[in-house]
Amino acid sequence: MQYRPMEITIISAKGLKRVKHLTKMDVYVVVSLYGGPQIAQKTPVDKESGTNPNWNFPMNFNIDEEEAQRGRLVLNFNIKCHRKLHSDKDIGEVNVPVNELLDNGGDGRFHKYVTYQLRKPNGKHRGVLNLSYKFANQFLETTSSIKVDNDNNNNNNNNNNQVPVVTAYYPANGSGYSGNY
C-alpha cells in the first residue's frame, strides 16, 4: 500500500462566534482524518486573538491516495474554545474530502491556500478557517503486505469496514489566498 505525505498548515480563523463572554477566548483546532487509521492532531491554543485566532501551525498526514480517490478519506477541522471549569466548547467545524484536495492541488508543486466556511451541526455559519496544504511528490511504502478488499467485503453484507459518505461544507465565497492571513 502506498501513502502520500501531505502537509497542512492551519493558518487562522476569522469571525468566530464568541462563546466565552467574560474573558478572551482560548481557541485551538483539532484535525482528524476519518476513513483510514483514526489520526488526530491539535494546534496550540491561541490565548491572545479571541474571535480571530492565528496559529500558522503545520501538521503532517500520510494519505492512502487510493482510498482518497475513492472518496473514503475525510479531514475534519473542529474549532474549539478551551475552558477551565467546563469541557471545551465546540465553535464550528468543516469536513473536507481528501479527494477534493488532491483534485485541486495534488501536484505537489506549490502550497495551495484555501478558506472554508465553519458551521455548527445545525448549519449556522461560525466564521471561516484559512489553511494551506501541499502533497509530496514521493510515495511511502508500508511494510504490510495485507490489503483489505473493502469492495468485496461490502458485497458480502459485511459493512463493518464501510466508511459512510460525508458531505463537505464548500469553500466560502472568495476562497483562496487573499494576502490577509
Foldseek 3Di string as FASTA:
>chain_A
DKWWKKKKWFFKWAQFDQPDPPAAWFKKKWKWKPQPPTDIDIFHTFRPDGRIDGGRHMDMDTHPVVCLLVQRIKIKIWMWTDDDPDHIHTGFIWIGRVVVVCVVAAPQPDKWKWKAFTADPVGDTGTITIMIMGIHPDIDDDPDPDDDDVVVCVVVVNCPSPGDRDDTGDTDPPITDPPPD
